[in-house]
C-alpha atoms as a PDB file:
ATOM      1  CA  ILE A   1       0.033  -0.008  -0.013  1.00  0.00           C
ATOM      2  CA  SER A   2       1.258   3.251  -1.056  1.00  0.00           C
ATOM      3  CA  LEU A   3       0.030   6.705  -1.569  1.00  0.00           C
ATOM      4  CA  LYS A   4       0.439   8.370  -5.041  1.00  0.00           C
ATOM      5  CA  ARG A   5       1.645  11.703  -3.546  1.00  0.00           C
ATOM      6  CA  THR A   6       4.585   9.940  -1.790  1.00  0.00           C
ATOM      7  CA  PRO A   7       6.310   8.347  -4.625  1.00  0.00           C
ATOM      8  CA  LYS A   8       9.826   8.362  -2.548  1.00  0.00           C
ATOM      9  CA  ARG A   9       8.356   6.137   0.043  1.00  0.00           C
ATOM     10  CA  TRP A  10       7.656   3.444  -2.728  1.00  0.00           C
ATOM     11  CA  ALA A  11      11.045   3.965  -4.061  1.00  0.00           C
ATOM     12  CA  ASP A  12      12.628   3.540  -0.669  1.00  0.00           C
ATOM     13  CA  PHE A  13      10.411   0.473  -0.109  1.00  0.00           C
ATOM     14  CA  ILE A  14      11.758  -1.317  -3.130  1.00  0.00           C
ATOM     15  CA  GLU A  15      15.494  -0.321  -2.445  1.00  0.00           C
ATOM     16  CA  ARG A  16      15.142  -1.435   1.056  1.00  0.00           C
ATOM     17  CA  ASN A  17      13.692  -4.559   0.417  1.00  0.00           C
ATOM     18  CA  GLN A  18      15.442  -5.433  -2.854  1.00  0.00           C
ATOM     19  CA  LYS A  19      16.513  -8.829  -1.726  1.00  0.00           C
ATOM     20  CA  ALA A  20      13.321  -9.768   0.118  1.00  0.00           C
ATOM     21  CA  LEU A  21      11.109  -9.099  -2.937  1.00  0.00           C
ATOM     22  CA  ASN A  22      12.984 -11.153  -5.397  1.00  0.00           C
ATOM     23  CA  ASN A  23      10.693 -13.773  -6.966  1.00  0.00           C
ATOM     24  CA  CYS A  24       7.626 -12.031  -5.569  1.00  0.00           C
ATOM     25  CA  GLU A  25       4.494 -11.133  -7.582  1.00  0.00           C
ATOM     26  CA  LEU A  26       4.472  -7.543  -6.477  1.00  0.00           C
ATOM     27  CA  LEU A  27       1.447  -5.393  -6.963  1.00  0.00           C
ATOM     28  CA  ARG A  28       1.360  -1.478  -5.847  1.00  0.00           C
ATOM     29  CA  ILE A  29      -1.940  -0.690  -4.270  1.00  0.00           C
ATOM     30  CA  ASP A  30      -2.564   2.973  -4.707  1.00  0.00           C
ATOM     31  CA  GLY A  31      -3.619   3.761  -0.938  1.00  0.00           C
ATOM     32  CA  ILE A  32      -6.699   6.132  -0.397  1.00  0.00           C
ATOM     33  CA  ASP A  33      -5.568   9.531   0.642  1.00  0.00           C
ATOM     34  CA  GLY A  34      -7.568  10.303   3.813  1.00  0.00           C
ATOM     35  CA  ARG A  35      -6.510  14.029   3.570  1.00  0.00           C
ATOM     36  CA  GLU A  36      -8.000  14.484   0.126  1.00  0.00           C
ATOM     37  CA  LEU A  37     -10.896  12.463   0.877  1.00  0.00           C
ATOM     38  CA  LEU A  38     -12.024  14.517   3.932  1.00  0.00           C
ATOM     39  CA  ASN A  39     -11.234  17.686   2.072  1.00  0.00           C
ATOM     40  CA  SER A  40     -13.654  16.814  -0.658  1.00  0.00           C
ATOM     41  CA  ASN A  41     -16.631  16.267   1.818  1.00  0.00           C
ATOM     42  CA  ILE A  42     -17.347  12.990   0.195  1.00  0.00           C
ATOM     43  CA  LYS A  43     -19.794  10.960   2.299  1.00  0.00           C
ATOM     44  CA  SER A  44     -19.259   7.368   2.605  1.00  0.00           C
ATOM     45  CA  ARG A  45     -21.075   4.731   4.698  1.00  0.00           C
ATOM     46  CA  LEU A  46     -17.526   3.324   5.288  1.00  0.00           C
ATOM     47  CA  ILE A  47     -16.556   6.230   7.410  1.00  0.00           C
ATOM     48  CA  SER A  48     -18.880   6.395  10.730  1.00  0.00           C
ATOM     49  CA  SER A  49     -19.487   9.810  12.445  1.00  0.00           C
ATOM     50  CA  SER A  50     -17.138   8.758  15.345  1.00  0.00           C
ATOM     51  CA  ALA A  51     -14.186   8.055  12.753  1.00  0.00           C
ATOM     52  CA  HIS A  52     -14.862  11.537  11.226  1.00  0.00           C
ATOM     53  CA  GLN A  53     -14.608  12.977  14.692  1.00  0.00           C
ATOM     54  CA  ASN A  54     -11.747  11.122  16.236  1.00  0.00           C
ATOM     55  CA  TRP A  55      -9.457   9.484  13.612  1.00  0.00           C
ATOM     56  CA  SER A  56      -6.816  11.310  11.793  1.00  0.00           C
ATOM     57  CA  PRO A  57      -7.035  11.749   8.174  1.00  0.00           C
ATOM     58  CA  GLY A  58      -4.095   9.340   7.645  1.00  0.00           C
ATOM     59  CA  ALA A  59      -5.838   6.757  10.064  1.00  0.00           C
ATOM     60  CA  ILE A  60      -9.004   6.792   7.752  1.00  0.00           C
ATOM     61  CA  GLY A  61      -7.027   6.754   4.552  1.00  0.00           C
ATOM     62  CA  ILE A  62      -4.973   3.719   5.553  1.00  0.00           C
ATOM     63  CA  GLY A  63      -8.139   1.903   7.145  1.00  0.00           C
ATOM     64  CA  LEU A  64      -9.987   2.282   3.712  1.00  0.00           C
ATOM     65  CA  SER A  65      -6.796   0.997   1.988  1.00  0.00           C
ATOM     66  CA  HIS A  66      -6.760  -2.049   4.078  1.00  0.00           C
ATOM     67  CA  LEU A  67     -10.356  -2.805   3.240  1.00  0.00           C
ATOM     68  CA  LEU A  68      -9.727  -2.330  -0.403  1.00  0.00           C
ATOM     69  CA  CYS A  69      -6.834  -5.155   0.051  1.00  0.00           C
ATOM     70  CA  TRP A  70      -9.548  -7.440   1.604  1.00  0.00           C
ATOM     71  CA  ARG A  71     -11.857  -6.989  -1.358  1.00  0.00           C
ATOM     72  CA  LEU A  72      -8.977  -7.502  -3.690  1.00  0.00           C
ATOM     73  CA  CYS A  73      -7.979 -10.686  -1.778  1.00  0.00           C
ATOM     74  CA  CYS A  74     -11.627 -11.977  -1.927  1.00  0.00           C
ATOM     75  CA  ASN A  75     -11.833 -11.042  -5.727  1.00  0.00           C
ATOM     76  CA  SER A  76      -8.585 -12.848  -6.582  1.00  0.00           C
ATOM     77  CA  LYS A  77      -9.690 -15.883  -4.582  1.00  0.00           C
ATOM     78  CA  SER A  78      -6.249 -16.451  -3.637  1.00  0.00           C
ATOM     79  CA  PRO A  79      -4.152 -15.713  -0.383  1.00  0.00           C
ATOM     80  CA  LEU A  80      -2.628 -12.166  -0.268  1.00  0.00           C
ATOM     81  CA  VAL A  81       0.282 -10.751   1.503  1.00  0.00           C
ATOM     82  CA  VAL A  82      -0.485  -6.917   2.493  1.00  0.00           C
ATOM     83  CA  LEU A  83       2.479  -4.790   3.236  1.00  0.00           C
ATOM     84  CA  GLU A  84       2.560  -0.884   4.249  1.00  0.00           C
ATOM     85  CA  ASP A  85       5.272   0.929   2.379  1.00  0.00           C
ATOM     86  CA  ASP A  86       7.724   1.824   5.295  1.00  0.00           C
ATOM     87  CA  VAL A  87       8.404  -1.803   6.419  1.00  0.00           C
ATOM     88  CA  VAL A  88      11.592  -3.653   6.658  1.00  0.00           C
ATOM     89  CA  LEU A  89      11.192  -7.474   5.352  1.00  0.00           C
ATOM     90  CA  ALA A  90      13.200 -10.426   6.364  1.00  0.00           C
ATOM     91  CA  ASP A  91      15.237 -11.527   3.442  1.00  0.00           C
ATOM     92  CA  ASN A  92      13.922 -15.116   3.742  1.00  0.00           C
ATOM     93  CA  TRP A  93      10.257 -14.103   4.835  1.00  0.00           C
ATOM     94  CA  GLN A  94       8.533 -16.172   2.046  1.00  0.00           C
ATOM     95  CA  LEU A  95      10.035 -19.464   2.784  1.00  0.00           C
ATOM     96  CA  THR A  96       9.849 -19.064   6.599  1.00  0.00           C
ATOM     97  CA  LEU A  97       6.004 -17.986   6.396  1.00  0.00           C
ATOM     98  CA  GLU A  98       5.318 -20.935   4.078  1.00  0.00           C
ATOM     99  CA  GLN A  99       6.814 -23.161   6.684  1.00  0.00           C
ATOM    100  CA  LEU A 100       4.723 -21.674   9.467  1.00  0.00           C
ATOM    101  CA  LEU A 101       1.337 -21.709   7.900  1.00  0.00           C
ATOM    102  CA  LYS A 102      -0.953 -24.043   9.388  1.00  0.00           C
ATOM    103  CA  PRO A 103      -3.443 -26.049   7.314  1.00  0.00           C
ATOM    104  CA  ASN A 104      -6.553 -23.862   8.911  1.00  0.00           C
ATOM    105  CA  ALA A 105      -4.832 -20.428   8.941  1.00  0.00           C
ATOM    106  CA  GLY A 106      -6.784 -17.587   7.815  1.00  0.00           C
ATOM    107  CA  MET A 107      -4.635 -14.607   8.956  1.00  0.00           C
ATOM    108  CA  VAL A 108      -1.212 -14.308  10.050  1.00  0.00           C
ATOM    109  CA  LEU A 109       0.335 -11.199  11.377  1.00  0.00           C
ATOM    110  CA  MET A 110       4.007 -10.992  10.256  1.00  0.00           C
ATOM    111  CA  GLY A 111       4.885  -8.055  12.504  1.00  0.00           C
ATOM    112  CA  TRP A 112       3.626  -5.241  14.860  1.00  0.00           C
ATOM    113  CA  ASN A 113       4.476  -1.838  15.930  1.00  0.00           C
ATOM    114  CA  LEU A 114       7.169  -1.794  18.786  1.00  0.00           C
ATOM    115  CA  ASP A 115       5.641   1.361  20.342  1.00  0.00           C
ATOM    116  CA  SER A 116       2.730  -0.743  21.507  1.00  0.00           C
ATOM    117  CA  MET A 117       2.171  -4.030  23.305  1.00  0.00           C
ATOM    118  CA  LEU A 118       1.734  -7.668  21.935  1.00  0.00           C
ATOM    119  CA  ARG A 119      -0.516 -10.389  23.762  1.00  0.00           C
ATOM    120  CA  ALA A 120      -0.376 -13.787  22.237  1.00  0.00           C
ATOM    121  CA  GLU A 121      -0.627 -17.360  23.486  1.00  0.00           C
ATOM    122  CA  PHE A 122       2.558 -18.836  25.020  1.00  0.00           C
ATOM    123  CA  SER A 123       1.224 -22.220  25.268  1.00  0.00           C
ATOM    124  CA  ASP A 124      -2.269 -24.110  25.565  1.00  0.00           C
ATOM    125  CA  GLN A 125      -2.806 -22.608  29.153  1.00  0.00           C
ATOM    126  CA  GLU A 126      -0.801 -19.502  29.359  1.00  0.00           C
ATOM    127  CA  GLU A 127      -0.489 -16.225  27.554  1.00  0.00           C
ATOM    128  CA  MET A 128       2.308 -13.591  27.100  1.00  0.00           C
ATOM    129  CA  ILE A 129       1.974  -9.869  27.249  1.00  0.00           C
ATOM    130  CA  SER A 130       5.032  -8.068  25.882  1.00  0.00           C
ATOM    131  CA  LEU A 131       6.375  -4.431  25.688  1.00  0.00           C
ATOM    132  CA  PHE A 132       9.295  -3.373  23.679  1.00  0.00           C
ATOM    133  CA  GLU A 133      12.270  -1.204  24.122  1.00  0.00           C
ATOM    134  CA  PRO A 134      13.315   1.030  22.280  1.00  0.00           C
ATOM    135  CA  ALA A 135       9.983   1.878  20.922  1.00  0.00           C
ATOM    136  CA  TYR A 136      11.454   3.245  17.837  1.00  0.00           C
ATOM    137  CA  PRO A 137      14.609   1.447  16.847  1.00  0.00           C
ATOM    138  CA  SER A 138      16.971   2.428  13.842  1.00  0.00           C
ATOM    139  CA  GLU A 139      16.633   0.880  10.424  1.00  0.00           C
ATOM    140  CA  ASN A 140      19.662  -1.131  11.144  1.00  0.00           C
ATOM    141  CA  ALA A 141      18.188  -2.477  14.282  1.00  0.00           C
ATOM    142  CA  LEU A 142      14.976  -3.503  12.674  1.00  0.00           C
ATOM    143  CA  ASN A 143      16.803  -5.213   9.880  1.00  0.00           C
ATOM    144  CA  SER A 144      18.950  -7.160  12.691  1.00  0.00           C
ATOM    145  CA  VAL A 145      15.686  -8.016  14.402  1.00  0.00           C
ATOM    146  CA  VAL A 146      13.510  -9.377  11.332  1.00  0.00           C
ATOM    147  CA  ASN A 147      16.624 -11.340  10.093  1.00  0.00           C
ATOM    148  CA  SER A 148      17.158 -12.849  13.388  1.00  0.00           C
ATOM    149  CA  LYS A 149      18.508 -16.495  13.482  1.00  0.00           C
ATOM    150  CA  GLU A 150      16.054 -17.470  16.328  1.00  0.00           C
ATOM    151  CA  VAL A 151      13.720 -20.191  15.482  1.00  0.00           C
ATOM    152  CA  ARG A 152      10.417 -18.550  14.576  1.00  0.00           C
ATOM    153  CA  HIS A 153       6.923 -19.618  16.007  1.00  0.00           C
ATOM    154  CA  SER A 154       3.341 -18.980  15.009  1.00  0.00           C
ATOM    155  CA  ARG A 155       1.231 -18.245  17.999  1.00  0.00           C
ATOM    156  CA  ARG A 156      -2.424 -17.503  18.589  1.00  0.00           C
ATOM    157  CA  LEU A 157      -2.850 -13.639  18.475  1.00  0.00           C
ATOM    158  CA  ARG A 158      -4.985 -11.774  21.171  1.00  0.00           C
ATOM    159  CA  HIS A 159      -3.949  -8.167  20.859  1.00  0.00           C
ATOM    160  CA  ALA A 160      -1.281  -6.261  18.664  1.00  0.00           C
ATOM    161  CA  PHE A 161      -1.209  -2.906  17.122  1.00  0.00           C
ATOM    162  CA  GLY A 162       0.261  -1.822  13.673  1.00  0.00           C
ATOM    163  CA  LEU A 163      -0.243  -3.589  10.325  1.00  0.00           C
ATOM    164  CA  PRO A 164       3.296  -3.660   8.920  1.00  0.00           C
ATOM    165  CA  GLY A 165       2.518  -6.926   6.957  1.00  0.00           C
ATOM    166  CA  TYR A 166       0.247  -9.844   7.245  1.00  0.00           C
ATOM    167  CA  TRP A 167      -0.995 -12.899   5.177  1.00  0.00           C
ATOM    168  CA  ILE A 168      -4.793 -13.317   4.662  1.00  0.00           C
ATOM    169  CA  GLN A 169      -7.070 -15.957   2.960  1.00  0.00           C
ATOM    170  CA  PRO A 170     -10.003 -14.927   0.792  1.00  0.00           C
ATOM    171  CA  VAL A 171     -12.598 -16.457   3.189  1.00  0.00           C
ATOM    172  CA  LEU A 172     -11.072 -14.615   6.214  1.00  0.00           C
ATOM    173  CA  ALA A 173     -10.869 -11.318   4.201  1.00  0.00           C
ATOM    174  CA  GLN A 174     -14.633 -11.614   3.442  1.00  0.00           C
ATOM    175  CA  LEU A 175     -15.417 -12.449   7.167  1.00  0.00           C
ATOM    176  CA  LEU A 176     -13.441  -9.326   8.315  1.00  0.00           C
ATOM    177  CA  LEU A 177     -15.358  -7.244   5.624  1.00  0.00           C
ATOM    178  CA  ASN A 178     -18.640  -8.321   7.065  1.00  0.00           C
ATOM    179  CA  LYS A 179     -17.412  -7.853  10.677  1.00  0.00           C
ATOM    180  CA  ILE A 180     -15.833  -4.434   9.946  1.00  0.00           C
ATOM    181  CA  ASP A 181     -18.342  -2.787   7.607  1.00  0.00           C
ATOM    182  CA  CYS A 182     -17.297   0.689   8.474  1.00  0.00           C
ATOM    183  CA  LEU A 183     -14.515   2.487  10.259  1.00  0.00           C
ATOM    184  CA  GLU A 184     -15.451   3.615  13.834  1.00  0.00           C
ATOM    185  CA  THR A 185     -14.453   4.667  17.341  1.00  0.00           C
ATOM    186  CA  ARG A 186     -15.294   1.610  19.674  1.00  0.00           C
ATOM    187  CA  PRO A 187     -14.006   1.016  23.335  1.00  0.00           C
ATOM    188  CA  LEU A 188     -11.230  -1.733  23.438  1.00  0.00           C
ATOM    189  CA  HIS A 189     -10.273  -3.561  26.650  1.00  0.00           C
ATOM    190  CA  LEU A 190      -6.664  -4.792  26.720  1.00  0.00           C
ATOM    191  CA  GLY A 191      -7.082  -6.585  30.059  1.00  0.00           C
ATOM    192  CA  ARG A 192      -4.519  -7.434  32.922  1.00  0.00           C
ATOM    193  CA  GLY A 193      -4.631  -3.856  34.294  1.00  0.00           C
ATOM    194  CA  PHE A 194      -3.984  -1.898  31.104  1.00  0.00           C
ATOM    195  CA  PRO A 195      -6.312   1.110  30.287  1.00  0.00           C
ATOM    196  CA  GLU A 196      -9.319   0.951  28.334  1.00  0.00           C
ATOM    197  CA  ILE A 197      -8.508   2.729  24.892  1.00  0.00           C
ATOM    198  CA  GLU A 198     -10.587   3.695  21.856  1.00  0.00           C
ATOM    199  CA  THR A 199     -10.198   2.336  18.468  1.00  0.00           C
ATOM    200  CA  LEU A 200      -8.574   5.126  16.391  1.00  0.00           C
ATOM    201  CA  GLY A 201      -7.205   3.141  13.393  1.00  0.00           C
ATOM    202  CA  ILE A 202      -7.912  -0.184  11.604  1.00  0.00           C
ATOM    203  CA  ASP A 203      -5.188  -1.957  13.400  1.00  0.00           C
ATOM    204  CA  ALA A 204      -7.136  -1.028  16.821  1.00  0.00           C
ATOM    205  CA  LEU A 205     -10.251  -2.174  15.409  1.00  0.00           C
ATOM    206  CA  LEU A 206      -8.805  -5.714  14.279  1.00  0.00           C
ATOM    207  CA  ASN A 207      -8.072  -6.100  18.120  1.00  0.00           C
ATOM    208  CA  LEU A 208     -11.813  -6.763  18.481  1.00  0.00           C
ATOM    209  CA  HIS A 209     -11.575  -9.850  16.165  1.00  0.00           C
ATOM    210  CA  TYR A 210      -8.264 -11.293  16.255  1.00  0.00           C
ATOM    211  CA  GLN A 211      -9.076 -13.841  19.033  1.00  0.00           C
ATOM    212  CA  LYS A 212     -12.564 -14.916  17.494  1.00  0.00           C
ATOM    213  CA  ILE A 213     -10.904 -15.173  14.021  1.00  0.00           C
ATOM    214  CA  ARG A 214      -7.987 -17.359  15.466  1.00  0.00           C
ATOM    215  CA  ALA A 215      -5.493 -15.107  13.779  1.00  0.00           C
ATOM    216  CA  GLU A 216      -1.830 -15.779  14.206  1.00  0.00           C
ATOM    217  CA  VAL A 217       1.239 -13.795  14.779  1.00  0.00           C
ATOM    218  CA  VAL A 218       4.896 -14.559  14.007  1.00  0.00           C
ATOM    219  CA  MET A 219       7.437 -14.447  16.722  1.00  0.00           C
ATOM    220  CA  PRO A 220      10.241 -13.121  16.149  1.00  0.00           C
ATOM    221  CA  PRO A 221       8.666 -10.859  13.384  1.00  0.00           C
ATOM    222  CA  LEU A 222       9.312 -11.299   9.581  1.00  0.00           C
ATOM    223  CA  THR A 223       8.518  -7.433   9.130  1.00  0.00           C
ATOM    224  CA  LEU A 224       8.626  -4.381  11.128  1.00  0.00           C
ATOM    225  CA  ALA A 225       7.697  -0.720  10.045  1.00  0.00           C
ATOM    226  CA  LEU A 226      10.058   2.101  10.514  1.00  0.00           C
ATOM    227  CA  ASN A 227       7.102   3.796  12.251  1.00  0.00           C
ATOM    228  CA  ASP A 228       8.998   6.990  12.683  1.00  0.00           C
ATOM    229  CA  PRO A 229       6.492   9.181  14.619  1.00  0.00           C
ATOM    230  CA  HIS A 230       7.669  12.304  13.154  1.00  0.00           C
ATOM    231  CA  THR A 231       7.360  11.329   9.664  1.00  0.00           C
ATOM    232  CA  SER A 232       4.198   9.149   9.882  1.00  0.00           C
ATOM    233  CA  LEU A 233       1.257   9.592   7.520  1.00  0.00           C
ATOM    234  CA  THR A 234      -1.190   8.330  10.045  1.00  0.00           C
ATOM    235  CA  LYS A 235      -0.042   9.367  13.547  1.00  0.00           C
ATOM    236  CA  THR A 236      -0.888  13.048  14.566  1.00  0.00           C
ATOM    237  CA  LYS A 237       2.002  12.888  17.391  1.00  0.00           C
ATOM    238  CA  PRO A 238       4.458  10.529  18.819  1.00  0.00           C
ATOM    239  CA  SER A 239       2.490   8.048  20.885  1.00  0.00           C
ATOM    240  CA  ARG A 240       2.864   6.737  24.368  1.00  0.00           C
ATOM    241  CA  PHE A 241       1.795   3.181  25.568  1.00  0.00           C
ATOM    242  CA  GLY A 242      -1.913   3.364  26.352  1.00  0.00           C
ATOM    243  CA  GLU A 243      -2.716   6.077  23.754  1.00  0.00           C
ATOM    244  CA  PHE A 244      -2.037   4.141  20.399  1.00  0.00           C
ATOM    245  CA  ASN A 245      -2.511   7.217  18.266  1.00  0.00           C
ATOM    246  CA  THR A 246      -3.017   6.085  14.674  1.00  0.00           C
END
């Protein structure tokens, strides 16, 4: 996903991930520009009044862009890997992902934003809740993480923020389109003493459904976003844990 008005981000994405994108069938999805959409005063049933009021223009645009990708997945009738254009991909992400996919997999999150939290199953009886430091690593540090030599595992996902990259099946994409029929602000309970927050982005909305759709997450991650709070197109300010500004 990449906006037409930010061609350098697309060029940087290609250059940064040149090795990782070898032998990929790559399709650029022109992202929906939330700023232009809101300035045009176009009314859409996909944007609720609560999203108009509380979401940033960038968050609305990227939310609609992910909905567009889900429709593309449904129409293609083939699994799709969706990537945002500020990600760092592991060199061997394709082979590793294929090895981790379970027969009944519907959606697999390949990474998450390190300035937030991750909650996933550690075993059949236990869950893990993790925070990460530093919250905004350098590109070199991100590259080291995604190319880690540690054995990777696919775990059942409960909560994660950010959508740097994920694999999705058409049936699951259609299910999400049915469940998330518009962008909206809803309360989100993270549990274990964490504050209740609001869904101010599509990544937060998905947290209402990850457990029910039996989504998985890859650990260590196969992709991470640069997620620079000063250049982000979706954040209005650098976020602190518990705010999750998107």
